[in-house]
PDB file of N, CA and C in Angstrom:
ATOM      1  N   MET A   1      -1.562 -58.405   9.202  1.00  0.00           N
ATOM      2  CA  MET A   1      -1.641 -58.127   7.796  1.00  0.00           C
ATOM      3  C   MET A   1      -2.561 -56.949   7.518  1.00  0.00           C
ATOM      4  N   LYS A   2      -3.647 -56.833   8.290  1.00  0.00           N
ATOM      5  CA  LYS A   2      -4.589 -55.749   8.111  1.00  0.00           C
ATOM      6  C   LYS A   2      -3.929 -54.398   8.384  1.00  0.00           C
ATOM      7  N   THR A   3      -3.043 -54.316   9.357  1.00  0.00           N
ATOM      8  CA  THR A   3      -2.337 -53.087   9.678  1.00  0.00           C
ATOM      9  C   THR A   3      -1.436 -52.657   8.532  1.00  0.00           C
ATOM     10  N   VAL A   4      -0.749 -53.599   7.921  1.00  0.00           N
ATOM     11  CA  VAL A   4       0.128 -53.291   6.793  1.00  0.00           C
ATOM     12  C   VAL A   4      -0.686 -52.745   5.633  1.00  0.00           C
ATOM     13  N   SER A   5      -1.834 -53.354   5.342  1.00  0.00           N
ATOM     14  CA  SER A   5      -2.692 -52.894   4.252  1.00  0.00           C
ATOM     15  C   SER A   5      -3.206 -51.485   4.526  1.00  0.00           C
ATOM     16  N   LEU A   6      -3.636 -51.225   5.743  1.00  0.00           N
ATOM     17  CA  LEU A   6      -4.121 -49.908   6.106  1.00  0.00           C
ATOM     18  C   LEU A   6      -3.007 -48.872   5.976  1.00  0.00           C
ATOM     19  N   ALA A   7      -1.809 -49.208   6.420  1.00  0.00           N
ATOM     20  CA  ALA A   7      -0.676 -48.295   6.298  1.00  0.00           C
ATOM     21  C   ALA A   7      -0.376 -47.999   4.840  1.00  0.00           C
ATOM     22  N   ALA A   8      -0.487 -48.988   3.978  1.00  0.00           N
ATOM     23  CA  ALA A   8      -0.238 -48.784   2.552  1.00  0.00           C
ATOM     24  C   ALA A   8      -1.275 -47.845   1.953  1.00  0.00           C
ATOM     25  N   VAL A   9      -2.544 -47.992   2.335  1.00  0.00           N
ATOM     26  CA  VAL A   9      -3.595 -47.110   1.831  1.00  0.00           C
ATOM     27  C   VAL A   9      -3.364 -45.680   2.303  1.00  0.00           C
ATOM     28  N   VAL A  10      -3.018 -45.506   3.571  1.00  0.00           N
ATOM     29  CA  VAL A  10      -2.752 -44.172   4.103  1.00  0.00           C
ATOM     30  C   VAL A  10      -1.572 -43.536   3.380  1.00  0.00           C
ATOM     31  N   LEU A  11      -0.508 -44.302   3.180  1.00  0.00           N
ATOM     32  CA  LEU A  11       0.663 -43.784   2.477  1.00  0.00           C
ATOM     33  C   LEU A  11       0.311 -43.405   1.049  1.00  0.00           C
ATOM     34  N   MET A  12      -0.461 -44.233   0.364  1.00  0.00           N
ATOM     35  CA  MET A  12      -0.860 -43.924  -1.001  1.00  0.00           C
ATOM     36  C   MET A  12      -1.726 -42.675  -1.041  1.00  0.00           C
ATOM     37  N   SER A  13      -2.591 -42.502  -0.061  1.00  0.00           N
ATOM     38  CA  SER A  13      -3.438 -41.317  -0.008  1.00  0.00           C
ATOM     39  C   SER A  13      -2.618 -40.056   0.192  1.00  0.00           C
ATOM     40  N   ILE A  14      -1.613 -40.138   1.044  1.00  0.00           N
ATOM     41  CA  ILE A  14      -0.760 -38.980   1.284  1.00  0.00           C
ATOM     42  C   ILE A  14       0.033 -38.639   0.028  1.00  0.00           C
ATOM     43  N   VAL A  15       0.573 -39.649  -0.628  1.00  0.00           N
ATOM     44  CA  VAL A  15       1.339 -39.427  -1.844  1.00  0.00           C
ATOM     45  C   VAL A  15       0.454 -38.839  -2.932  1.00  0.00           C
ATOM     46  N   ALA A  16      -0.773 -39.304  -3.037  1.00  0.00           N
ATOM     47  CA  ALA A  16      -1.683 -38.813  -4.063  1.00  0.00           C
ATOM     48  C   ALA A  16      -2.261 -37.452  -3.714  1.00  0.00           C
ATOM     49  N   GLY A  17      -2.091 -36.995  -2.498  1.00  0.00           N
ATOM     50  CA  GLY A  17      -2.624 -35.696  -2.099  1.00  0.00           C
ATOM     51  C   GLY A  17      -4.109 -35.725  -1.813  1.00  0.00           C
ATOM     52  N   THR A  18      -4.632 -36.895  -1.522  1.00  0.00           N
ATOM     53  CA  THR A  18      -6.049 -37.051  -1.274  1.00  0.00           C
ATOM     54  C   THR A  18      -6.253 -37.904  -0.041  1.00  0.00           C
ATOM     55  N   ALA A  19      -7.169 -37.478   0.821  1.00  0.00           N
ATOM     56  CA  ALA A  19      -7.524 -38.282   1.980  1.00  0.00           C
ATOM     57  C   ALA A  19      -8.894 -38.894   1.725  1.00  0.00           C
ATOM     58  N   MET A  20      -9.046 -40.186   2.054  1.00  0.00           N
ATOM     59  CA  MET A  20     -10.295 -40.874   1.773  1.00  0.00           C
ATOM     60  C   MET A  20     -10.793 -41.603   3.012  1.00  0.00           C
ATOM     61  N   ALA A  21     -12.117 -41.622   3.172  1.00  0.00           N
ATOM     62  CA  ALA A  21     -12.743 -42.430   4.218  1.00  0.00           C
ATOM     63  C   ALA A  21     -14.002 -43.028   3.609  1.00  0.00           C
ATOM     64  N   GLU A  22     -14.166 -44.320   3.728  1.00  0.00           N
ATOM     65  CA  GLU A  22     -15.321 -44.968   3.126  1.00  0.00           C
ATOM     66  C   GLU A  22     -15.928 -45.973   4.086  1.00  0.00           C
ATOM     67  N   GLY A  23     -17.249 -45.879   4.256  1.00  0.00           N
ATOM     68  CA  GLY A  23     -17.974 -46.828   5.071  1.00  0.00           C
ATOM     69  C   GLY A  23     -17.630 -46.783   6.547  1.00  0.00           C
ATOM     70  N   SER A  24     -17.321 -45.611   7.065  1.00  0.00           N
ATOM     71  CA  SER A  24     -16.935 -45.492   8.462  1.00  0.00           C
ATOM     72  C   SER A  24     -17.836 -44.493   9.171  1.00  0.00           C
ATOM     73  N   LYS A  25     -17.597 -44.303  10.448  1.00  0.00           N
ATOM     74  CA  LYS A  25     -18.324 -43.313  11.231  1.00  0.00           C
ATOM     75  C   LYS A  25     -17.321 -42.279  11.704  1.00  0.00           C
ATOM     76  N   ILE A  26     -17.546 -41.037  11.333  1.00  0.00           N
ATOM     77  CA  ILE A  26     -16.683 -39.943  11.740  1.00  0.00           C
ATOM     78  C   ILE A  26     -17.488 -39.091  12.714  1.00  0.00           C
ATOM     79  N   GLU A  27     -17.034 -39.041  13.963  1.00  0.00           N
ATOM     80  CA  GLU A  27     -17.787 -38.354  15.003  1.00  0.00           C
ATOM     81  C   GLU A  27     -16.853 -37.526  15.872  1.00  0.00           C
ATOM     82  N   LYS A  28     -17.286 -36.316  16.206  1.00  0.00           N
ATOM     83  CA  LYS A  28     -16.512 -35.416  17.062  1.00  0.00           C
ATOM     84  C   LYS A  28     -15.076 -35.273  16.557  1.00  0.00           C
ATOM     85  N   SER A  29     -14.950 -35.012  15.271  1.00  0.00           N
ATOM     86  CA  SER A  29     -13.643 -34.904  14.633  1.00  0.00           C
ATOM     87  C   SER A  29     -13.524 -33.581  13.897  1.00  0.00           C
ATOM     88  N   THR A  30     -12.315 -33.257  13.522  1.00  0.00           N
ATOM     89  CA  THR A  30     -12.062 -32.085  12.693  1.00  0.00           C
ATOM     90  C   THR A  30     -11.349 -32.547  11.434  1.00  0.00           C
ATOM     91  N   LEU A  31     -11.949 -32.263  10.286  1.00  0.00           N
ATOM     92  CA  LEU A  31     -11.347 -32.576   8.996  1.00  0.00           C
ATOM     93  C   LEU A  31     -10.839 -31.272   8.402  1.00  0.00           C
ATOM     94  N   ILE A  32      -9.546 -31.185   8.172  1.00  0.00           N
ATOM     95  CA  ILE A  32      -8.935 -29.959   7.656  1.00  0.00           C
ATOM     96  C   ILE A  32      -8.269 -30.253   6.325  1.00  0.00           C
ATOM     97  N   ASN A  33      -8.650 -29.501   5.310  1.00  0.00           N
ATOM     98  CA  ASN A  33      -7.994 -29.587   4.014  1.00  0.00           C
ATOM     99  C   ASN A  33      -7.213 -28.289   3.830  1.00  0.00           C
ATOM    100  N   ALA A  34      -5.905 -28.383   3.948  1.00  0.00           N
ATOM    101  CA  ALA A  34      -5.037 -27.213   3.788  1.00  0.00           C
ATOM    102  C   ALA A  34      -4.078 -27.442   2.618  1.00  0.00           C
ATOM    103  N   SER A  35      -4.574 -28.086   1.575  1.00  0.00           N
ATOM    104  CA  SER A  35      -3.714 -28.396   0.430  1.00  0.00           C
ATOM    105  C   SER A  35      -3.383 -27.133  -0.365  1.00  0.00           C
ATOM    106  N   LYS A  36      -2.242 -27.167  -1.009  1.00  0.00           N
ATOM    107  CA  LYS A  36      -1.820 -26.091  -1.912  1.00  0.00           C
ATOM    108  C   LYS A  36      -1.618 -26.719  -3.284  1.00  0.00           C
ATOM    109  N   ASN A  37      -2.469 -26.360  -4.216  1.00  0.00           N
ATOM    110  CA  ASN A  37      -2.450 -26.953  -5.545  1.00  0.00           C
ATOM    111  C   ASN A  37      -2.091 -25.881  -6.565  1.00  0.00           C
ATOM    112  N   THR A  38      -0.976 -26.069  -7.236  1.00  0.00           N
ATOM    113  CA  THR A  38      -0.516 -25.119  -8.240  1.00  0.00           C
ATOM    114  C   THR A  38      -0.173 -25.871  -9.514  1.00  0.00           C
ATOM    115  N   LEU A  39      -0.646 -25.354 -10.628  1.00  0.00           N
ATOM    116  CA  LEU A  39      -0.390 -25.964 -11.936  1.00  0.00           C
ATOM    117  C   LEU A  39      -0.791 -27.437 -11.964  1.00  0.00           C
ATOM    118  N   THR A  40      -1.997 -27.738 -11.495  1.00  0.00           N
ATOM    119  CA  THR A  40      -2.475 -29.116 -11.488  1.00  0.00           C
ATOM    120  C   THR A  40      -3.510 -29.329 -12.578  1.00  0.00           C
ATOM    121  N   ASN A  41      -3.590 -30.558 -13.033  1.00  0.00           N
ATOM    122  CA  ASN A  41      -4.570 -30.955 -14.038  1.00  0.00           C
ATOM    123  C   ASN A  41      -5.232 -32.228 -13.534  1.00  0.00           C
ATOM    124  N   THR A  42      -6.484 -32.138 -13.111  1.00  0.00           N
ATOM    125  CA  THR A  42      -7.215 -33.274 -12.579  1.00  0.00           C
ATOM    126  C   THR A  42      -8.339 -33.618 -13.545  1.00  0.00           C
ATOM    127  N   GLN A  43      -8.349 -34.864 -14.036  1.00  0.00           N
ATOM    128  CA  GLN A  43      -9.354 -35.264 -15.017  1.00  0.00           C
ATOM    129  C   GLN A  43      -9.953 -36.614 -14.669  1.00  0.00           C
ATOM    130  N   ALA A  44     -11.260 -36.682 -14.702  1.00  0.00           N
ATOM    131  CA  ALA A  44     -11.991 -37.945 -14.593  1.00  0.00           C
ATOM    132  C   ALA A  44     -12.669 -38.129 -15.939  1.00  0.00           C
ATOM    133  N   ILE A  45     -12.177 -39.085 -16.715  1.00  0.00           N
ATOM    134  CA  ILE A  45     -12.672 -39.279 -18.079  1.00  0.00           C
ATOM    135  C   ILE A  45     -13.262 -40.676 -18.197  1.00  0.00           C
ATOM    136  N   GLY A  46     -14.511 -40.739 -18.602  1.00  0.00           N
ATOM    137  CA  GLY A  46     -15.178 -42.022 -18.772  1.00  0.00           C
ATOM    138  C   GLY A  46     -16.309 -42.198 -17.781  1.00  0.00           C
ATOM    139  N   ARG A  47     -17.170 -43.112 -18.071  1.00  0.00           N
ATOM    140  CA  ARG A  47     -18.348 -43.360 -17.239  1.00  0.00           C
ATOM    141  C   ARG A  47     -17.952 -43.827 -15.841  1.00  0.00           C
ATOM    142  N   ASN A  48     -18.570 -43.234 -14.826  1.00  0.00           N
ATOM    143  CA  ASN A  48     -18.360 -43.575 -13.414  1.00  0.00           C
ATOM    144  C   ASN A  48     -16.916 -43.399 -12.961  1.00  0.00           C
ATOM    145  N   SER A  49     -16.186 -42.484 -13.543  1.00  0.00           N
ATOM    146  CA  SER A  49     -14.792 -42.266 -13.146  1.00  0.00           C
ATOM    147  C   SER A  49     -14.713 -41.157 -12.107  1.00  0.00           C
ATOM    148  N   ALA A  50     -13.638 -41.182 -11.343  1.00  0.00           N
ATOM    149  CA  ALA A  50     -13.420 -40.169 -10.314  1.00  0.00           C
ATOM    150  C   ALA A  50     -11.942 -39.832 -10.249  1.00  0.00           C
ATOM    151  N   ALA A  51     -11.655 -38.554 -10.020  1.00  0.00           N
ATOM    152  CA  ALA A  51     -10.273 -38.102  -9.855  1.00  0.00           C
ATOM    153  C   ALA A  51     -10.271 -36.966  -8.847  1.00  0.00           C
ATOM    154  N   SER A  52      -9.298 -37.000  -7.942  1.00  0.00           N
ATOM    155  CA  SER A  52      -9.203 -35.967  -6.912  1.00  0.00           C
ATOM    156  C   SER A  52      -7.751 -35.548  -6.729  1.00  0.00           C
ATOM    157  N   THR A  53      -7.551 -34.269  -6.513  1.00  0.00           N
ATOM    158  CA  THR A  53      -6.225 -33.735  -6.191  1.00  0.00           C
ATOM    159  C   THR A  53      -6.382 -32.801  -4.997  1.00  0.00           C
ATOM    160  N   GLY A  54      -5.613 -33.041  -3.952  1.00  0.00           N
ATOM    161  CA  GLY A  54      -5.654 -32.177  -2.772  1.00  0.00           C
ATOM    162  C   GLY A  54      -7.028 -32.065  -2.156  1.00  0.00           C
ATOM    163  N   SER A  55      -7.759 -33.163  -2.110  1.00  0.00           N
ATOM    164  CA  SER A  55      -9.132 -33.152  -1.628  1.00  0.00           C
ATOM    165  C   SER A  55      -9.323 -34.155  -0.496  1.00  0.00           C
ATOM    166  N   ILE A  56     -10.384 -33.946   0.261  1.00  0.00           N
ATOM    167  CA  ILE A  56     -10.831 -34.920   1.255  1.00  0.00           C
ATOM    168  C   ILE A  56     -12.128 -35.496   0.711  1.00  0.00           C
ATOM    169  N   SER A  57     -12.188 -36.819   0.545  1.00  0.00           N
ATOM    170  CA  SER A  57     -13.391 -37.493   0.061  1.00  0.00           C
ATOM    171  C   SER A  57     -13.919 -38.423   1.139  1.00  0.00           C
ATOM    172  N   VAL A  58     -15.162 -38.218   1.521  1.00  0.00           N
ATOM    173  CA  VAL A  58     -15.822 -39.079   2.491  1.00  0.00           C
ATOM    174  C   VAL A  58     -17.044 -39.644   1.781  1.00  0.00           C
ATOM    175  N   VAL A  59     -17.001 -40.947   1.470  1.00  0.00           N
ATOM    176  CA  VAL A  59     -18.051 -41.585   0.692  1.00  0.00           C
ATOM    177  C   VAL A  59     -18.674 -42.706   1.506  1.00  0.00           C
ATOM    178  N   GLY A  60     -19.989 -42.669   1.649  1.00  0.00           N
ATOM    179  CA  GLY A  60     -20.694 -43.737   2.338  1.00  0.00           C
ATOM    180  C   GLY A  60     -20.429 -43.783   3.827  1.00  0.00           C
ATOM    181  N   SER A  61     -20.007 -42.684   4.399  1.00  0.00           N
ATOM    182  CA  SER A  61     -19.703 -42.625   5.828  1.00  0.00           C
ATOM    183  C   SER A  61     -20.685 -41.694   6.520  1.00  0.00           C
ATOM    184  N   LYS A  62     -20.811 -41.873   7.792  1.00  0.00           N
ATOM    185  CA  LYS A  62     -21.680 -41.029   8.598  1.00  0.00           C
ATOM    186  C   LYS A  62     -20.809 -39.997   9.312  1.00  0.00           C
ATOM    187  N   VAL A  63     -21.090 -38.713   9.103  1.00  0.00           N
ATOM    188  CA  VAL A  63     -20.334 -37.633   9.727  1.00  0.00           C
ATOM    189  C   VAL A  63     -21.250 -36.921  10.708  1.00  0.00           C
ATOM    190  N   GLU A  64     -20.876 -36.923  11.999  1.00  0.00           N
ATOM    191  CA  GLU A  64     -21.692 -36.299  13.038  1.00  0.00           C
ATOM    192  C   GLU A  64     -20.831 -35.459  13.968  1.00  0.00           C
ATOM    193  N   LYS A  65     -21.367 -34.334  14.401  1.00  0.00           N
ATOM    194  CA  LYS A  65     -20.737 -33.480  15.402  1.00  0.00           C
ATOM    195  C   LYS A  65     -19.271 -33.207  15.082  1.00  0.00           C
ATOM    196  N   SER A  66     -19.000 -32.905  13.826  1.00  0.00           N
ATOM    197  CA  SER A  66     -17.627 -32.688  13.379  1.00  0.00           C
ATOM    198  C   SER A  66     -17.481 -31.306  12.765  1.00  0.00           C
ATOM    199  N   THR A  67     -16.252 -30.847  12.684  1.00  0.00           N
ATOM    200  CA  THR A  67     -15.936 -29.569  12.068  1.00  0.00           C
ATOM    201  C   THR A  67     -15.180 -29.825  10.774  1.00  0.00           C
ATOM    202  N   LEU A  68     -15.610 -29.158   9.701  1.00  0.00           N
ATOM    203  CA  LEU A  68     -14.952 -29.276   8.406  1.00  0.00           C
ATOM    204  C   LEU A  68     -14.347 -27.924   8.044  1.00  0.00           C
ATOM    205  N   ILE A  69     -13.068 -27.910   7.739  1.00  0.00           N
ATOM    206  CA  ILE A  69     -12.382 -26.670   7.375  1.00  0.00           C
ATOM    207  C   ILE A  69     -11.695 -26.885   6.038  1.00  0.00           C
ATOM    208  N   ASN A  70     -12.070 -26.082   5.048  1.00  0.00           N
ATOM    209  CA  ASN A  70     -11.416 -26.152   3.748  1.00  0.00           C
ATOM    210  C   ASN A  70     -10.630 -24.861   3.561  1.00  0.00           C
ATOM    211  N   ALA A  71      -9.329 -24.941   3.753  1.00  0.00           N
ATOM    212  CA  ALA A  71      -8.445 -23.784   3.596  1.00  0.00           C
ATOM    213  C   ALA A  71      -7.481 -24.011   2.436  1.00  0.00           C
ATOM    214  N   SER A  72      -7.912 -24.793   1.444  1.00  0.00           N
ATOM    215  CA  SER A  72      -7.022 -25.098   0.322  1.00  0.00           C
ATOM    216  C   SER A  72      -6.807 -23.854  -0.534  1.00  0.00           C
ATOM    217  N   LYS A  73      -5.647 -23.807  -1.161  1.00  0.00           N
ATOM    218  CA  LYS A  73      -5.294 -22.705  -2.055  1.00  0.00           C
ATOM    219  C   LYS A  73      -5.014 -23.312  -3.421  1.00  0.00           C
ATOM    220  N   ASN A  74      -5.762 -22.853  -4.402  1.00  0.00           N
ATOM    221  CA  ASN A  74      -5.672 -23.402  -5.747  1.00  0.00           C
ATOM    222  C   ASN A  74      -5.298 -22.298  -6.730  1.00  0.00           C
ATOM    223  N   THR A  75      -4.200 -22.516  -7.440  1.00  0.00           N
ATOM    224  CA  THR A  75      -3.718 -21.545  -8.412  1.00  0.00           C
ATOM    225  C   THR A  75      -3.466 -22.254  -9.733  1.00  0.00           C
ATOM    226  N   LEU A  76      -4.028 -21.728 -10.784  1.00  0.00           N
ATOM    227  CA  LEU A  76      -3.835 -22.283 -12.125  1.00  0.00           C
ATOM    228  C   LEU A  76      -4.136 -23.777 -12.178  1.00  0.00           C
ATOM    229  N   THR A  77      -5.315 -24.144 -11.698  1.00  0.00           N
ATOM    230  CA  THR A  77      -5.717 -25.546 -11.716  1.00  0.00           C
ATOM    231  C   THR A  77      -6.753 -25.780 -12.815  1.00  0.00           C
ATOM    232  N   ASN A  78      -6.764 -26.976 -13.341  1.00  0.00           N
ATOM    233  CA  ASN A  78      -7.711 -27.387 -14.366  1.00  0.00           C
ATOM    234  C   ASN A  78      -8.354 -28.681 -13.893  1.00  0.00           C
ATOM    235  N   THR A  79      -9.655 -28.650 -13.639  1.00  0.00           N
ATOM    236  CA  THR A  79     -10.369 -29.813 -13.138  1.00  0.00           C
ATOM    237  C   THR A  79     -11.518 -30.126 -14.088  1.00  0.00           C
ATOM    238  N   GLN A  80     -11.554 -31.367 -14.598  1.00  0.00           N
ATOM    239  CA  GLN A  80     -12.576 -31.745 -15.570  1.00  0.00           C
ATOM    240  C   GLN A  80     -13.150 -33.113 -15.255  1.00  0.00           C
ATOM    241  N   ALA A  81     -14.458 -33.217 -15.350  1.00  0.00           N
ATOM    242  CA  ALA A  81     -15.147 -34.502 -15.261  1.00  0.00           C
ATOM    243  C   ALA A  81     -15.892 -34.685 -16.574  1.00  0.00           C
ATOM    244  N   ILE A  82     -15.466 -35.655 -17.352  1.00  0.00           N
ATOM    245  CA  ILE A  82     -16.042 -35.880 -18.675  1.00  0.00           C
ATOM    246  C   ILE A  82     -16.592 -37.297 -18.715  1.00  0.00           C
ATOM    247  N   GLY A  83     -17.876 -37.415 -18.915  1.00  0.00           N
ATOM    248  CA  GLY A  83     -18.515 -38.728 -18.963  1.00  0.00           C
ATOM    249  C   GLY A  83     -19.638 -38.820 -17.953  1.00  0.00           C
ATOM    250  N   ARG A  84     -20.528 -39.741 -18.189  1.00  0.00           N
ATOM    251  CA  ARG A  84     -21.697 -39.917 -17.331  1.00  0.00           C
ATOM    252  C   ARG A  84     -21.285 -40.329 -15.922  1.00  0.00           C
ATOM    253  N   ASP A  85     -21.834 -39.649 -14.936  1.00  0.00           N
ATOM    254  CA  ASP A  85     -21.576 -39.918 -13.519  1.00  0.00           C
ATOM    255  C   ASP A  85     -20.100 -39.805 -13.144  1.00  0.00           C
ATOM    256  N   SER A  86     -19.358 -38.937 -13.821  1.00  0.00           N
ATOM    257  CA  SER A  86     -17.948 -38.703 -13.499  1.00  0.00           C
ATOM    258  C   SER A  86     -17.835 -37.603 -12.454  1.00  0.00           C
ATOM    259  N   LEU A  87     -16.755 -37.634 -11.679  1.00  0.00           N
ATOM    260  CA  LEU A  87     -16.539 -36.658 -10.622  1.00  0.00           C
ATOM    261  C   LEU A  87     -15.055 -36.310 -10.563  1.00  0.00           C
ATOM    262  N   ALA A  88     -14.750 -35.027 -10.605  1.00  0.00           N
ATOM    263  CA  ALA A  88     -13.371 -34.560 -10.453  1.00  0.00           C
ATOM    264  C   ALA A  88     -13.362 -33.431  -9.442  1.00  0.00           C
ATOM    265  N   THR A  89     -12.450 -33.491  -8.475  1.00  0.00           N
ATOM    266  CA  THR A  89     -12.367 -32.459  -7.447  1.00  0.00           C
ATOM    267  C   THR A  89     -10.922 -32.023  -7.259  1.00  0.00           C
ATOM    268  N   THR A  90     -10.751 -30.757  -6.970  1.00  0.00           N
ATOM    269  CA  THR A  90      -9.440 -30.203  -6.640  1.00  0.00           C
ATOM    270  C   THR A  90      -9.602 -29.283  -5.443  1.00  0.00           C
ATOM    271  N   GLY A  91      -8.833 -29.530  -4.389  1.00  0.00           N
ATOM    272  CA  GLY A  91      -8.855 -28.664  -3.208  1.00  0.00           C
ATOM    273  C   GLY A  91     -10.221 -28.552  -2.564  1.00  0.00           C
ATOM    274  N   SER A  92     -10.894 -29.670  -2.405  1.00  0.00           N
ATOM    275  CA  SER A  92     -12.267 -29.613  -1.901  1.00  0.00           C
ATOM    276  C   SER A  92     -12.497 -30.649  -0.799  1.00  0.00           C
ATOM    277  N   ILE A  93     -13.657 -30.528  -0.152  1.00  0.00           N
ATOM    278  CA  ILE A  93     -14.127 -31.533   0.779  1.00  0.00           C
ATOM    279  C   ILE A  93     -15.406 -32.092   0.179  1.00  0.00           C
ATOM    280  N   ASP A  94     -15.391 -33.351  -0.164  1.00  0.00           N
ATOM    281  CA  ASP A  94     -16.504 -34.016  -0.844  1.00  0.00           C
ATOM    282  C   ASP A  94     -17.095 -35.060   0.086  1.00  0.00           C
ATOM    283  N   ILE A  95     -18.344 -34.838   0.497  1.00  0.00           N
ATOM    284  CA  ILE A  95     -19.023 -35.798   1.382  1.00  0.00           C
ATOM    285  C   ILE A  95     -20.264 -36.290   0.669  1.00  0.00           C
ATOM    286  N   ARG A  96     -20.312 -37.597   0.463  1.00  0.00           N
ATOM    287  CA  ARG A  96     -21.479 -38.203  -0.213  1.00  0.00           C
ATOM    288  C   ARG A  96     -21.930 -39.412   0.563  1.00  0.00           C
TER     289      ARG A  96
END
């Protein structure tokens, strides 16, 4: 059952154009963001909200001895974070 759930999360991440890793250890890896975002509107509206388009988000994970490459291309994009502690990203690598 755990494999099915993980596959569903990966599929949803691919469909949403965002890759996510939370609470894991990333070591000796290469993270590449080569997204192409055109005519996108990404909005995080409201307190503690988050929205990402074509981004890699690594939250609460340990990243060691890894290479990060952001080769995203963004054309005519609108990214807004409105509200306290809101976060909106487009074509980025976000590590917190």
